[in-house]
């Protein structure tokens, strides 16, 4: 006769309600395939709705749009960034570009992001505020899809991928930086695209190093040198485009390129290659460098075509050889960035970013629309959803702990743990190295894709593994469900101050959770 005690293990490992529902849904192959496409489609459409609705508001040049909107229009009309006369900011929203002059303007960022902003202006006219923001909004929406795809490749879980993409879709800094004609949202898209391509290259290349055919014959001194790496070439193009938007894209290219070399080296070690470090660095590493950096350099140079083929760009005539003139111009740009340390009321050092001490107020209306009370205000603040932000920071610390513990115990963790950390290494750590430079909290929009992936991975751990006791999984899954529901409600609460809605002054005040948020 079976004793009650012997039934305990089976009772403890029963499925939770969520697990039973998930199993029932995924049991049907057609339904599972449909949901695999439906989830990313819906979260991308949600992201697009949150970014495109009322995008033309405010119908004025706000914050640093004063640089990029005018530069974008002059690029499409002159081939280079021209100077603008006085009153350009008030004339351009009315469709009047008469303030544009042919003299070249000194700019300190490469032109690709401004070419992209200008595309919407060419289609809808210089006076369309929707036009000068629409391409940034579309790329911000597509970034949500890219995050879904990265999380899916890392975890093989549509649920985790949906959570990661959904969190990015409703996060404040991601929404705000997709609704303004600045470079940072475009930069985020290209870096995230490059990260996806590097991950795809890893999946395609490592089995060719570690597979049965690669290890036949036992130990070898060296392994294969693989030239056929189309995803690495694609990553080079994407990260070259990121660098052609802002030079901080170079950090991502350096870190992700190093990641490709390190994963190659570890794969050769697992394959039993005796000289695996030097093999990965000096044989395959040189090939990988050429495959990645070559296309990146060509992409970057292509973004300067307008400046190169015209004669009016700033310093274009400084040398008879246009490439030497471009080199000298870049030296001047580098000097500007290195010496940028002017005070700004919204400046926020990188060490402050995890604490969310000083988000940037993008726009404040002097004459808000009526809101039902005597004292109204309309603002656009780049504050993230606090629950997403602080949760993601905590999740990143947890993943870092898991990574370090794995190294100490010689039990390596998988890419679901390491890859978000690689992304944060590329997008956050470099800013810690320039403590005196004037930088802003909204630069963190480039970090957010990797932060939400880290958060989604940590939430999966919180929900409990399949082999854990029933009560542990029930408690974990309920906690995750409550967290996600409250997070959605918080985003709904903050959405008016992310999009410039006119609200009662007291309503705006209760959104300022820390003194530095005002």
Protein backbone atom coordinates (compact mmCIF):
# COMPACT_ATOMS: atom_id res chain seq x y z
CA UNK A 1 0.00 0.00 0.00
CA UNK A 2 1.34 3.42 -0.94
CA UNK A 3 1.91 5.67 2.04
CA UNK A 4 0.73 9.31 2.02
CA UNK A 5 4.33 10.42 2.42
CA UNK A 6 5.30 8.79 -0.88
CA UNK A 7 2.73 10.98 -2.68
CA UNK A 8 4.32 14.23 -1.52
CA UNK A 9 6.87 14.60 -4.36
CA UNK A 10 4.20 14.20 -7.03
CA UNK A 11 1.93 16.68 -5.26
CA UNK A 12 4.76 19.17 -4.92
CA UNK A 13 5.57 19.07 -8.65
CA UNK A 14 2.02 19.51 -9.94
CA UNK A 15 1.43 22.21 -12.52
CA UNK A 16 0.18 25.65 -11.52
CA UNK A 17 -2.85 27.18 -13.24
CA UNK A 18 -0.60 29.21 -15.51
CA UNK A 19 1.43 26.15 -16.45
CA UNK A 20 -1.71 24.14 -17.24
CA UNK A 21 -3.09 26.96 -19.36
CA UNK A 22 0.22 27.38 -21.17
CA UNK A 23 0.47 23.64 -21.85
CA UNK A 24 -3.08 23.52 -23.17
CA UNK A 25 -2.50 26.45 -25.52
CA UNK A 26 0.85 25.22 -26.83
CA UNK A 27 -0.40 21.64 -27.29
CA UNK A 28 -2.05 22.66 -30.55
CA UNK A 29 0.67 23.26 -33.14
CA UNK A 30 -1.39 25.66 -35.25
CA UNK A 31 -2.44 27.71 -32.25
CA UNK A 32 1.14 27.78 -30.92
CA UNK A 33 2.43 28.97 -34.29
CA UNK A 34 -0.21 31.68 -34.44
CA UNK A 35 0.62 32.92 -30.94
CA UNK A 36 4.32 32.95 -31.78
CA UNK A 37 3.57 35.62 -34.41
CA UNK A 38 0.70 37.30 -32.58
CA UNK A 39 2.64 38.26 -29.46
CA UNK A 40 5.43 40.26 -31.17
CA UNK A 41 2.93 41.80 -33.57
CA UNK A 42 0.69 43.04 -30.77
CA UNK A 43 3.45 44.50 -28.61
CA UNK A 44 4.98 46.23 -31.64
CA UNK A 45 1.58 47.69 -32.56
CA UNK A 46 1.12 48.79 -28.94
CA UNK A 47 4.52 50.48 -29.03
CA UNK A 48 3.62 52.20 -32.30
CA UNK A 49 0.32 53.46 -30.90
CA UNK A 50 1.97 54.90 -27.79
CA UNK A 51 4.59 56.61 -29.93
CA UNK A 52 2.57 57.81 -32.93
CA UNK A 53 -0.71 59.04 -31.40
CA UNK A 54 -0.69 62.87 -31.24
CA UNK A 55 2.97 62.83 -32.27
CA UNK A 56 2.71 66.32 -33.76
CA UNK A 57 2.14 67.78 -30.28
CA UNK A 58 3.66 70.13 -29.42
CA UNK A 59 3.79 71.82 -32.81
CA UNK A 60 7.04 73.58 -32.05
CA UNK A 61 10.74 72.82 -31.98
CA UNK A 62 11.45 71.58 -28.46
CA UNK A 63 14.68 70.95 -26.57
CA UNK A 64 17.56 69.78 -28.82
CA UNK A 65 15.28 69.44 -31.82
CA UNK A 66 16.59 72.96 -32.45
CA UNK A 67 19.78 71.32 -33.78
CA UNK A 68 18.60 68.16 -35.46
CA UNK A 69 15.42 69.28 -37.20
CA UNK A 70 17.15 72.19 -38.89
CA UNK A 71 20.25 70.13 -39.69
CA UNK A 72 18.04 67.41 -41.16
CA UNK A 73 16.23 69.79 -43.48
CA UNK A 74 19.47 71.43 -44.63
CA UNK A 75 21.05 68.02 -45.31
CA UNK A 76 18.25 67.07 -47.68
CA UNK A 77 18.40 70.47 -49.39
CA UNK A 78 22.13 71.28 -49.40
CA UNK A 79 23.81 67.92 -48.82
CA UNK A 80 25.41 69.28 -45.65
CA UNK A 81 24.36 71.06 -42.45
CA UNK A 82 23.87 74.74 -43.18
CA UNK A 83 23.57 77.68 -40.84
CA UNK A 84 20.22 79.25 -39.99
CA UNK A 85 19.28 82.85 -39.38
CA UNK A 86 17.39 84.25 -36.43
CA UNK A 87 13.76 83.27 -35.88
CA UNK A 88 14.26 79.93 -37.64
CA UNK A 89 12.66 78.07 -34.74
CA UNK A 90 9.45 80.05 -35.06
CA UNK A 91 9.38 80.16 -38.87
CA UNK A 92 10.08 76.49 -39.62
CA UNK A 93 6.96 75.05 -37.89
CA UNK A 94 4.96 77.25 -40.25
CA UNK A 95 6.70 75.73 -43.24
CA UNK A 96 8.99 78.74 -43.83
CA UNK A 97 12.60 77.66 -44.39
CA UNK A 98 13.82 81.03 -45.66
CA UNK A 99 16.19 81.30 -42.68
CA UNK A 100 18.35 78.50 -44.14
CA UNK A 101 21.71 79.77 -45.43
CA UNK A 102 24.27 78.05 -47.62
CA UNK A 103 27.20 78.61 -45.26
CA UNK A 104 28.29 75.36 -43.61
CA UNK A 105 27.49 74.91 -39.93
CA UNK A 106 29.87 73.37 -37.40
CA UNK A 107 28.22 70.19 -36.10
CA UNK A 108 29.61 67.64 -33.68
CA UNK A 109 27.60 64.52 -34.55
CA UNK A 110 27.78 62.45 -37.76
CA UNK A 111 24.94 62.95 -40.25
CA UNK A 112 23.08 59.62 -40.51
CA UNK A 113 20.57 60.28 -37.74
CA UNK A 114 19.75 63.65 -39.26
CA UNK A 115 19.33 62.11 -42.72
CA UNK A 116 16.80 59.74 -41.15
CA UNK A 117 14.94 62.55 -39.36
CA UNK A 118 14.86 64.52 -42.60
CA UNK A 119 13.22 61.67 -44.48
CA UNK A 120 9.91 62.37 -42.77
CA UNK A 121 10.31 66.09 -43.44
CA UNK A 122 10.86 65.48 -47.13
CA UNK A 123 7.67 63.41 -47.26
CA UNK A 124 5.49 65.79 -45.21
CA UNK A 125 7.18 69.17 -45.48
CA UNK A 126 9.44 71.17 -43.17
CA UNK A 127 6.49 72.55 -41.21
CA UNK A 128 5.14 69.16 -40.15
CA UNK A 129 6.09 68.37 -36.57
CA UNK A 130 4.71 64.88 -37.19
CA UNK A 131 7.03 64.62 -40.18
CA UNK A 132 10.19 65.53 -38.34
CA UNK A 133 9.41 63.00 -35.55
CA UNK A 134 7.81 60.11 -37.41
CA UNK A 135 10.95 58.22 -38.43
CA UNK A 136 12.25 58.29 -34.86
CA UNK A 137 8.89 56.99 -33.64
CA UNK A 138 8.85 54.16 -36.17
CA UNK A 139 12.39 53.08 -35.30
CA UNK A 140 11.48 53.26 -31.60
CA UNK A 141 8.57 50.92 -32.27
CA UNK A 142 10.76 48.51 -34.23
CA UNK A 143 13.24 48.48 -31.36
CA UNK A 144 10.53 46.77 -29.30
CA UNK A 145 10.39 44.00 -31.90
CA UNK A 146 14.18 43.67 -31.83
CA UNK A 147 14.13 43.28 -28.05
CA UNK A 148 11.50 40.56 -28.39
CA UNK A 149 13.67 38.71 -30.90
CA UNK A 150 16.82 38.99 -28.77
CA UNK A 151 15.02 37.79 -25.65
CA UNK A 152 13.50 34.91 -27.62
CA UNK A 153 16.92 33.80 -28.92
CA UNK A 154 18.38 34.00 -25.42
CA UNK A 155 15.64 32.20 -23.50
CA UNK A 156 13.67 30.20 -26.11
CA UNK A 157 10.58 31.43 -24.29
CA UNK A 158 7.85 33.43 -26.01
CA UNK A 159 6.56 34.47 -22.59
CA UNK A 160 9.88 35.95 -21.50
CA UNK A 161 10.32 37.63 -24.89
CA UNK A 162 6.84 39.11 -24.71
CA UNK A 163 7.51 40.48 -21.23
CA UNK A 164 10.80 42.03 -22.34
CA UNK A 165 9.30 43.62 -25.44
CA UNK A 166 6.17 44.69 -23.59
CA UNK A 167 8.16 46.42 -20.86
CA UNK A 168 10.09 48.40 -23.47
CA UNK A 169 6.85 49.27 -25.26
CA UNK A 170 5.40 50.96 -22.15
CA UNK A 171 8.54 52.46 -20.62
CA UNK A 172 8.70 56.23 -20.29
CA UNK A 173 12.18 57.09 -21.49
CA UNK A 174 11.72 54.78 -24.49
CA UNK A 175 8.40 56.44 -25.34
CA UNK A 176 9.66 60.00 -24.90
CA UNK A 177 12.85 59.49 -26.89
CA UNK A 178 10.79 57.94 -29.69
CA UNK A 179 8.49 60.97 -29.81
CA UNK A 180 11.16 63.63 -30.27
CA UNK A 181 13.49 64.31 -33.18
CA UNK A 182 16.73 63.56 -31.32
CA UNK A 183 19.48 61.11 -32.22
CA UNK A 184 19.32 58.85 -29.18
CA UNK A 185 16.26 56.86 -30.20
CA UNK A 186 17.78 56.19 -33.62
CA UNK A 187 21.08 55.20 -31.99
CA UNK A 188 19.19 52.76 -29.76
CA UNK A 189 17.61 51.07 -32.78
CA UNK A 190 20.92 50.47 -34.57
CA UNK A 191 22.76 49.25 -31.46
CA UNK A 192 19.92 46.84 -30.65
CA UNK A 193 19.91 45.67 -34.27
CA UNK A 194 23.66 45.07 -34.11
CA UNK A 195 23.24 43.15 -30.86
CA UNK A 196 20.66 40.88 -32.51
CA UNK A 197 22.97 40.23 -35.47
CA UNK A 198 25.91 39.37 -33.21
CA UNK A 199 23.69 36.92 -31.35
CA UNK A 200 22.59 35.32 -34.62
CA UNK A 201 26.23 35.05 -35.69
CA UNK A 202 27.04 33.31 -32.42
CA UNK A 203 24.28 30.76 -32.98
CA UNK A 204 25.44 30.09 -36.53
CA UNK A 205 29.18 30.00 -35.92
CA UNK A 206 29.72 28.18 -32.62
CA UNK A 207 28.24 24.85 -33.78
CA UNK A 208 30.65 24.91 -36.71
CA UNK A 209 33.52 25.12 -34.23
CA UNK A 210 32.18 22.69 -31.63
CA UNK A 211 30.22 20.30 -33.87
CA UNK A 212 31.17 16.64 -34.56
CA UNK A 213 32.84 17.47 -37.85
CA UNK A 214 35.02 20.11 -36.21
CA UNK A 215 36.37 17.76 -33.54
CA UNK A 216 37.07 14.63 -35.59
CA UNK A 217 40.58 13.36 -35.10
CA UNK A 218 40.86 14.31 -31.42
CA UNK A 219 42.92 17.23 -30.14
CA UNK A 220 44.19 19.77 -32.66
CA UNK A 221 46.56 22.68 -32.46
CA UNK A 222 44.28 25.10 -34.33
CA UNK A 223 40.68 25.22 -35.43
CA UNK A 224 38.82 26.42 -38.50
CA UNK A 225 39.00 29.98 -39.75
CA UNK A 226 35.45 30.87 -40.77
CA UNK A 227 34.95 33.54 -43.40
CA UNK A 228 31.29 32.84 -44.13
CA UNK A 229 29.77 34.90 -41.31
CA UNK A 230 27.01 36.99 -42.93
CA UNK A 231 25.47 37.95 -39.59
CA UNK A 232 28.78 39.40 -38.43
CA UNK A 233 28.93 41.50 -41.58
CA UNK A 234 25.36 42.62 -40.93
CA UNK A 235 26.34 43.51 -37.36
CA UNK A 236 29.20 45.61 -38.71
CA UNK A 237 26.81 47.51 -40.97
CA UNK A 238 24.32 48.08 -38.14
CA UNK A 239 26.97 49.20 -35.65
CA UNK A 240 28.65 51.33 -38.29
CA UNK A 241 25.28 52.99 -38.77
CA UNK A 242 25.03 53.47 -34.99
CA UNK A 243 28.43 55.16 -35.01
CA UNK A 244 27.25 57.32 -37.92
CA UNK A 245 24.42 58.55 -35.70
CA UNK A 246 26.50 59.17 -32.58
CA UNK A 247 30.07 58.23 -31.80
CA UNK A 248 28.96 56.32 -28.72
CA UNK A 249 28.01 53.60 -31.18
CA UNK A 250 31.74 52.86 -31.34
CA UNK A 251 31.60 51.57 -27.77
CA UNK A 252 28.94 49.07 -28.75
CA UNK A 253 30.93 47.94 -31.77
CA UNK A 254 34.07 47.46 -29.65
CA UNK A 255 32.29 45.52 -26.89
CA UNK A 256 30.20 43.34 -29.20
CA UNK A 257 33.23 42.66 -31.39
CA UNK A 258 35.19 41.59 -28.31
CA UNK A 259 32.25 39.41 -27.30
CA UNK A 260 32.40 37.66 -30.68
CA UNK A 261 36.11 36.95 -30.22
CA UNK A 262 35.69 35.69 -26.64
CA UNK A 263 32.83 33.36 -27.55
CA UNK A 264 34.92 32.06 -30.46
CA UNK A 265 37.78 31.40 -28.07
CA UNK A 266 35.63 29.56 -25.53
CA UNK A 267 34.08 27.45 -28.29
CA UNK A 268 37.57 26.44 -29.48
CA UNK A 269 38.48 25.53 -25.93
CA UNK A 270 35.41 23.30 -25.64
CA UNK A 271 36.31 21.74 -28.98
CA UNK A 272 39.69 20.65 -27.60
CA UNK A 273 41.85 23.04 -29.63
CA UNK A 274 45.18 23.33 -27.83
CA UNK A 275 46.05 26.87 -28.89
CA UNK A 276 42.52 28.15 -28.45
CA UNK A 277 43.38 31.68 -27.14
CA UNK A 278 45.83 32.59 -29.88
CA UNK A 279 43.77 30.73 -32.47
CA UNK A 280 40.72 32.84 -31.67
CA UNK A 281 42.60 36.14 -31.47
CA UNK A 282 45.27 36.00 -34.17
CA UNK A 283 43.63 33.74 -36.74
CA UNK A 284 39.86 33.94 -36.49
CA UNK A 285 40.02 37.27 -34.65
CA UNK A 286 41.72 39.05 -37.55
CA UNK A 287 39.15 37.66 -39.96
CA UNK A 288 36.29 38.65 -37.67
CA UNK A 289 37.76 42.14 -37.35
CA UNK A 290 37.82 42.52 -41.13
CA UNK A 291 34.28 41.15 -41.51
CA UNK A 292 32.87 43.49 -38.88
CA UNK A 293 34.96 46.66 -38.97
CA UNK A 294 35.32 46.83 -42.76
CA UNK A 295 31.56 47.11 -43.43
CA UNK A 296 31.20 49.41 -40.42
CA UNK A 297 33.80 51.82 -41.79
CA UNK A 298 32.21 51.83 -45.24
CA UNK A 299 28.78 52.47 -43.72
CA UNK A 300 30.15 55.31 -41.64
CA UNK A 301 31.87 56.95 -44.62
CA UNK A 302 28.75 56.55 -46.76
CA UNK A 303 26.82 58.65 -44.24
CA UNK A 304 29.17 61.55 -45.04
CA UNK A 305 28.55 61.36 -48.79
CA UNK A 306 26.68 64.67 -48.88
CA UNK A 307 29.56 66.49 -47.19
CA UNK A 308 32.13 64.80 -49.42
CA UNK A 309 30.47 65.47 -52.80
CA UNK A 310 29.48 69.08 -52.13
CA UNK A 311 31.68 72.08 -51.52
CA UNK A 312 29.77 74.03 -48.87
CA UNK A 313 30.07 71.88 -45.76
CA UNK A 314 31.94 73.19 -42.74
CA UNK A 315 35.71 72.95 -43.32
CA UNK A 316 35.06 71.09 -46.59
CA UNK A 317 37.66 73.18 -48.36
CA UNK A 318 40.32 72.91 -45.64
CA UNK A 319 42.34 70.49 -47.77
CA UNK A 320 42.40 69.52 -51.44
CA UNK A 321 41.92 65.88 -50.47
CA UNK A 322 38.36 65.54 -49.10
CA UNK A 323 39.27 62.54 -46.93
CA UNK A 324 42.06 64.50 -45.24
CA UNK A 325 39.67 67.41 -44.74
CA UNK A 326 37.17 64.99 -43.20
CA UNK A 327 39.88 63.59 -40.92
CA UNK A 328 40.79 67.09 -39.71
CA UNK A 329 37.12 67.87 -39.12
CA UNK A 330 36.82 64.71 -37.01
CA UNK A 331 39.84 65.76 -34.95
CA UNK A 332 38.03 69.01 -34.19
CA UNK A 333 34.82 67.14 -33.27
CA UNK A 334 36.78 64.85 -30.94
CA UNK A 335 38.33 67.86 -29.21
CA UNK A 336 34.85 69.29 -28.67
CA UNK A 337 33.48 66.10 -27.10
CA UNK A 338 36.51 65.61 -24.86
CA UNK A 339 36.28 69.15 -23.54
CA UNK A 340 32.49 69.30 -23.12
CA UNK A 341 32.02 70.16 -19.44
CA UNK A 342 29.69 73.15 -19.39
CA UNK A 343 27.13 73.23 -16.54
CA UNK A 344 23.51 72.42 -17.33
CA UNK A 345 20.51 72.33 -14.94
CA UNK A 346 19.55 68.84 -16.12
CA UNK A 347 23.05 67.36 -16.31
CA UNK A 348 23.31 63.98 -14.60
CA UNK A 349 26.55 62.06 -14.11
CA UNK A 350 26.51 58.40 -15.09
CA UNK A 351 26.87 57.21 -11.48
CA UNK A 352 23.52 58.88 -10.77
CA UNK A 353 21.66 57.08 -13.54
CA UNK A 354 20.83 53.85 -11.66
CA UNK A 355 19.36 55.99 -8.85
CA UNK A 356 17.27 58.03 -11.31
CA UNK A 357 18.10 61.29 -9.56
CA UNK A 358 17.76 63.81 -12.40
CA UNK A 359 15.58 62.95 -15.42
CA UNK A 360 15.40 65.56 -18.15
CA UNK A 361 12.41 67.85 -18.65
CA UNK A 362 12.12 67.95 -22.43
CA UNK A 363 9.31 70.48 -22.72
CA UNK A 364 7.13 72.63 -20.46
CA UNK A 365 4.24 74.63 -21.86
CA UNK A 366 3.90 78.31 -21.00
CA UNK A 367 0.28 78.26 -22.13
CA UNK A 368 -1.28 74.83 -21.52
CA UNK A 369 -4.72 73.92 -22.82
CA UNK A 370 -7.63 73.97 -20.36
CA UNK A 371 -7.70 70.92 -18.09
CA UNK A 372 -10.79 71.48 -15.95
CA UNK A 373 -9.03 73.48 -13.22
CA UNK A 374 -7.61 76.98 -12.90
CA UNK A 375 -3.98 75.82 -12.68
CA UNK A 376 -2.91 73.57 -15.55
CA UNK A 377 0.47 72.41 -16.78
CA UNK A 378 1.73 70.42 -19.75
CA UNK A 379 5.16 68.81 -19.61
CA UNK A 380 7.20 66.14 -21.36
CA UNK A 381 9.56 64.45 -18.92
CA UNK A 382 11.93 61.66 -19.86
CA UNK A 383 11.51 59.91 -16.51
CA UNK A 384 11.25 56.13 -17.02
CA UNK A 385 8.54 53.99 -15.49
CA UNK A 386 10.03 53.78 -11.97
CA UNK A 387 8.98 50.16 -11.44
CA UNK A 388 10.62 49.10 -14.69
CA UNK A 389 13.74 51.17 -14.06
CA UNK A 390 14.48 50.18 -10.48
CA UNK A 391 13.39 46.60 -11.11
CA UNK A 392 15.70 46.37 -14.12
CA UNK A 393 18.64 47.83 -12.22
CA UNK A 394 18.09 45.28 -9.44
CA UNK A 395 17.78 42.50 -12.03
CA UNK A 396 21.06 43.55 -13.65
CA UNK A 397 22.82 43.40 -10.28
CA UNK A 398 21.34 39.93 -9.77
CA UNK A 399 22.59 38.74 -13.18
CA UNK A 400 26.02 40.17 -12.41
CA UNK A 401 26.02 38.20 -9.14
CA UNK A 402 25.04 35.04 -11.04
CA UNK A 403 27.85 35.63 -13.53
CA UNK A 404 30.52 36.21 -10.87
CA UNK A 405 29.35 33.23 -8.84
CA UNK A 406 29.53 31.08 -11.96
CA UNK A 407 33.13 32.15 -12.51
CA UNK A 408 34.09 31.40 -8.90
CA UNK A 409 32.39 28.00 -8.91
CA UNK A 410 33.61 27.18 -12.43
CA UNK A 411 30.01 26.70 -13.47
CA UNK A 412 29.52 29.11 -16.38
CA UNK A 413 26.10 30.70 -16.83
CA UNK A 414 24.30 30.82 -20.15
CA UNK A 415 23.91 33.71 -22.61
CA UNK A 416 20.55 34.67 -21.08
CA UNK A 417 22.55 35.90 -18.09
CA UNK A 418 25.66 37.19 -19.83
CA UNK A 419 24.29 38.90 -22.93
CA UNK A 420 22.24 41.62 -21.16
CA UNK A 421 25.38 42.38 -19.13
CA UNK A 422 27.39 42.65 -22.36
CA UNK A 423 24.84 45.16 -23.64
CA UNK A 424 25.09 47.22 -20.46
CA UNK A 425 28.87 47.08 -20.62
CA UNK A 426 28.64 48.66 -24.07
CA UNK A 427 26.00 51.29 -23.29
CA UNK A 428 26.62 52.29 -19.67
CA UNK A 429 30.16 51.63 -18.45
CA UNK A 430 31.90 53.96 -20.99
CA UNK A 431 30.00 56.93 -19.53
CA UNK A 432 31.42 56.17 -16.09
CA UNK A 433 34.87 56.84 -17.54
CA UNK A 434 34.05 60.50 -18.33
CA UNK A 435 32.79 61.83 -14.97
CA UNK A 436 33.41 65.48 -15.86
CA UNK A 437 31.58 65.47 -19.20
CA UNK A 438 28.15 67.07 -19.45
CA UNK A 439 25.74 64.16 -19.96
CA UNK A 440 22.06 63.51 -19.29
CA UNK A 441 19.78 60.83 -17.86
CA UNK A 442 17.97 60.41 -21.18
CA UNK A 443 21.16 58.88 -22.66
CA UNK A 444 20.02 55.77 -20.79
CA UNK A 445 17.48 55.06 -23.54
CA UNK A 446 20.27 53.06 -25.22
CA UNK A 447 20.59 50.94 -22.06
CA UNK A 448 16.89 50.23 -21.70
CA UNK A 449 16.66 47.35 -24.25
CA UNK A 450 19.26 45.40 -22.28
CA UNK A 451 17.78 46.42 -18.93
CA UNK A 452 14.32 45.08 -19.81
CA UNK A 453 15.84 41.84 -21.10
CA UNK A 454 17.71 41.48 -17.80
CA UNK A 455 14.47 42.18 -15.95
CA UNK A 456 12.51 39.61 -17.97
CA UNK A 457 15.18 36.96 -17.33
CA UNK A 458 15.15 37.74 -13.60
CA UNK A 459 11.34 37.58 -13.51
CA UNK A 460 11.54 34.11 -15.03
CA UNK A 461 13.80 33.10 -12.16
CA UNK A 462 11.38 34.67 -9.69
CA UNK A 463 8.47 32.76 -11.23
CA UNK A 464 10.22 29.49 -10.40
CA UNK A 465 11.69 26.62 -12.35
CA UNK A 466 9.66 23.59 -13.39
CA UNK A 467 11.44 21.30 -10.89
CA UNK A 468 10.75 23.53 -7.90
CA UNK A 469 7.94 22.84 -5.39
CA UNK A 470 4.40 23.80 -6.31
CA UNK A 471 4.02 26.39 -3.55
CA UNK A 472 7.26 28.09 -4.66
CA UNK A 473 6.11 28.33 -8.28
CA UNK A 474 2.63 29.51 -7.33
CA UNK A 475 4.01 32.29 -5.14
CA UNK A 476 6.59 33.28 -7.74
CA UNK A 477 4.14 33.39 -10.66
CA UNK A 478 1.60 35.39 -8.65
CA UNK A 479 4.29 37.87 -7.64
CA UNK A 480 5.36 38.31 -11.25
CA UNK A 481 1.74 38.75 -12.37
CA UNK A 482 1.07 41.39 -9.71
CA UNK A 483 4.30 43.21 -10.60
CA UNK A 484 3.43 43.31 -14.30
CA UNK A 485 -0.13 44.52 -13.70
CA UNK A 486 1.03 47.31 -11.37
CA UNK A 487 3.76 48.25 -13.85
CA UNK A 488 1.18 48.69 -16.62
CA UNK A 489 -0.94 50.86 -14.31
CA UNK A 490 2.08 53.01 -13.43
CA UNK A 491 2.79 53.55 -17.14
CA UNK A 492 -0.83 54.62 -17.65
CA UNK A 493 -0.42 57.00 -14.71
CA UNK A 494 2.75 58.56 -16.17
CA UNK A 495 1.68 58.63 -19.82
CA UNK A 496 0.27 62.19 -19.65
CA UNK A 497 3.64 63.57 -18.52
CA UNK A 498 5.45 61.59 -21.22
CA UNK A 499 3.33 63.06 -24.02
CA UNK A 500 2.69 66.65 -22.98
CA UNK A 501 -1.00 66.37 -22.04
CA UNK A 502 -2.47 69.32 -20.21
CA UNK A 503 -3.18 68.20 -16.64
CA UNK A 504 -3.97 69.84 -13.28
CA UNK A 505 -0.86 71.15 -11.58
CA UNK A 506 -1.47 68.99 -8.49
CA UNK A 507 -1.76 65.90 -10.69
CA UNK A 508 1.64 66.68 -12.17
CA UNK A 509 3.17 67.19 -8.72
CA UNK A 510 2.32 63.67 -7.56
CA UNK A 511 4.43 62.30 -10.44
CA UNK A 512 7.57 63.85 -8.95
CA UNK A 513 8.60 61.07 -6.60
CA UNK A 514 12.07 62.49 -5.95
CA UNK A 515 13.15 66.14 -5.56
CA UNK A 516 15.28 66.01 -8.71
CA UNK A 517 12.35 65.01 -10.90
CA UNK A 518 10.92 68.54 -10.96
